[in-house]
C-alpha atoms as a PDB file:
ATOM      1  CA  MET A   1       1.842  19.275   2.464  1.00  0.00           C
ATOM      2  CA  PHE A   2      -1.669  17.825   2.339  1.00  0.00           C
ATOM      3  CA  LEU A   3      -4.283  18.821  -0.192  1.00  0.00           C
ATOM      4  CA  LYS A   4      -7.486  20.092   1.392  1.00  0.00           C
ATOM      5  CA  GLY A   5     -10.693  19.352  -0.467  1.00  0.00           C
ATOM      6  CA  LYS A   6      -8.958  17.331  -3.203  1.00  0.00           C
ATOM      7  CA  ARG A   7      -9.766  13.662  -2.893  1.00  0.00           C
ATOM      8  CA  ARG A   8      -7.531  11.468  -4.990  1.00  0.00           C
ATOM      9  CA  LYS A   9      -7.919   7.805  -5.814  1.00  0.00           C
ATOM     10  CA  PHE A  10      -4.887   5.554  -5.723  1.00  0.00           C
ATOM     11  CA  SER A  11      -5.034   2.213  -7.502  1.00  0.00           C
ATOM     12  CA  GLY A  12      -4.058  -0.948  -5.684  1.00  0.00           C
ATOM     13  CA  GLU A  13      -0.791  -0.960  -7.620  1.00  0.00           C
ATOM     14  CA  ASP A  14      -0.095   2.621  -6.537  1.00  0.00           C
ATOM     15  CA  LYS A  15      -0.711   1.748  -2.894  1.00  0.00           C
ATOM     16  CA  VAL A  16       1.636  -1.241  -3.036  1.00  0.00           C
ATOM     17  CA  ARG A  17       4.311   0.848  -4.778  1.00  0.00           C
ATOM     18  CA  ILE A  18       4.016   3.544  -2.097  1.00  0.00           C
ATOM     19  CA  LEU A  19       4.142   1.000   0.742  1.00  0.00           C
ATOM     20  CA  LYS A  20       7.107  -0.758  -0.878  1.00  0.00           C
ATOM     21  CA  ARG A  21       9.020   2.513  -0.933  1.00  0.00           C
ATOM     22  CA  HIS A  22       8.893   2.552   2.861  1.00  0.00           C
ATOM     23  CA  LEU A  23       8.971  -1.167   3.704  1.00  0.00           C
ATOM     24  CA  VAL A  24      11.554  -2.408   1.180  1.00  0.00           C
ATOM     25  CA  ASP A  25      13.485   0.685   0.117  1.00  0.00           C
ATOM     26  CA  GLN A  26      13.482   1.904   3.756  1.00  0.00           C
ATOM     27  CA  VAL A  27      12.548   5.476   2.887  1.00  0.00           C
ATOM     28  CA  PRO A  28      11.179   7.177   6.024  1.00  0.00           C
ATOM     29  CA  MET A  29       7.387   7.085   6.141  1.00  0.00           C
ATOM     30  CA  SER A  30       7.247  10.854   6.594  1.00  0.00           C
ATOM     31  CA  ASP A  31       9.201  11.339   3.346  1.00  0.00           C
ATOM     32  CA  VAL A  32       6.968   8.911   1.439  1.00  0.00           C
ATOM     33  CA  CYS A  33       3.837  10.676   2.701  1.00  0.00           C
ATOM     34  CA  GLU A  34       5.217  14.079   1.771  1.00  0.00           C
ATOM     35  CA  GLU A  35       6.188  12.891  -1.730  1.00  0.00           C
ATOM     36  CA  HIS A  36       2.659  11.659  -2.419  1.00  0.00           C
ATOM     37  CA  GLY A  37       0.656  14.197  -0.423  1.00  0.00           C
ATOM     38  CA  LEU A  38      -0.614  11.524   1.969  1.00  0.00           C
ATOM     39  CA  HIS A  39      -1.668  11.943   5.541  1.00  0.00           C
ATOM     40  CA  PRO A  40       0.233   9.474   7.756  1.00  0.00           C
ATOM     41  CA  THR A  41      -3.072   8.057   9.014  1.00  0.00           C
ATOM     42  CA  MET A  42      -3.945   6.985   5.459  1.00  0.00           C
ATOM     43  CA  PHE A  43      -0.515   5.408   5.012  1.00  0.00           C
ATOM     44  CA  TYR A  44      -0.963   3.365   8.216  1.00  0.00           C
ATOM     45  CA  LYS A  45      -4.458   2.316   7.120  1.00  0.00           C
ATOM     46  CA  TRP A  46      -3.081   1.010   3.811  1.00  0.00           C
ATOM     47  CA  GLN A  47      -0.268  -0.772   5.621  1.00  0.00           C
ATOM     48  CA  LYS A  48      -2.720  -2.442   8.008  1.00  0.00           C
ATOM     49  CA  GLU A  49      -4.922  -3.597   5.110  1.00  0.00           C
ATOM     50  CA  PHE A  50      -1.865  -4.837   3.225  1.00  0.00           C
ATOM     51  CA  PHE A  51      -0.741  -7.070   6.081  1.00  0.00           C
ATOM     52  CA  GLU A  52      -4.243  -8.246   6.978  1.00  0.00           C
ATOM     53  CA  ASN A  53      -4.966  -9.279   3.372  1.00  0.00           C
ATOM     54  CA  GLY A  54      -1.499 -10.456   2.373  1.00  0.00           C
ATOM     55  CA  ALA A  55      -2.510 -14.121   2.307  1.00  0.00           C
ATOM     56  CA  ALA A  56      -4.903 -13.381  -0.566  1.00  0.00           C
ATOM     57  CA  ALA A  57      -1.903 -12.819  -2.839  1.00  0.00           C
ATOM     58  CA  PHE A  58      -1.006 -16.491  -2.416  1.00  0.00           C
ATOM     59  CA  ALA A  59      -4.537 -17.929  -2.387  1.00  0.00           C
ATOM     60  CA  THR A  60      -4.940 -17.836  -6.187  1.00  0.00           C
ATOM     61  CA  TYR A  61      -1.566 -19.525  -6.704  1.00  0.00           C
ATOM     62  CA  ARG A  62      -2.426 -22.220  -4.191  1.00  0.00           C
ATOM     63  CA  ALA A  63      -5.852 -22.893  -5.727  1.00  0.00           C
ATOM     64  CA  ALA A  64      -4.348 -23.102  -9.216  1.00  0.00           C
ATOM     65  CA  SER A  65      -1.569 -25.447  -8.119  1.00  0.00           C
ATOM     66  CA  THR A  66      -3.998 -27.938  -6.563  1.00  0.00           C
ATOM     67  CA  VAL A  67      -5.937 -28.164  -9.839  1.00  0.00           C
ATOM     68  CA  ALA A  68      -2.860 -29.189 -11.868  1.00  0.00           C
END
C-alpha cells in the first residue's frame, strides 16, 4: 500500500534501520516496503546509496586514529 500525494521524509537513521531489517534480519524486501509504505524502487535506491557510500562510515574513524 503506497501513499499517493503524501511525501514523507526519512532520516538517515530511519533509512539504515529499514535497510537493516532486510539485510541483517532477513525480512523479505516486499514485507519491509509494505510495513513502511515504501515503493520498492525507493528501497533499492537507498540500498545502492548505502553500499556506494559505506566507506564514509569508516573515514572519520580512520582520520581520527591517525591524529592520535
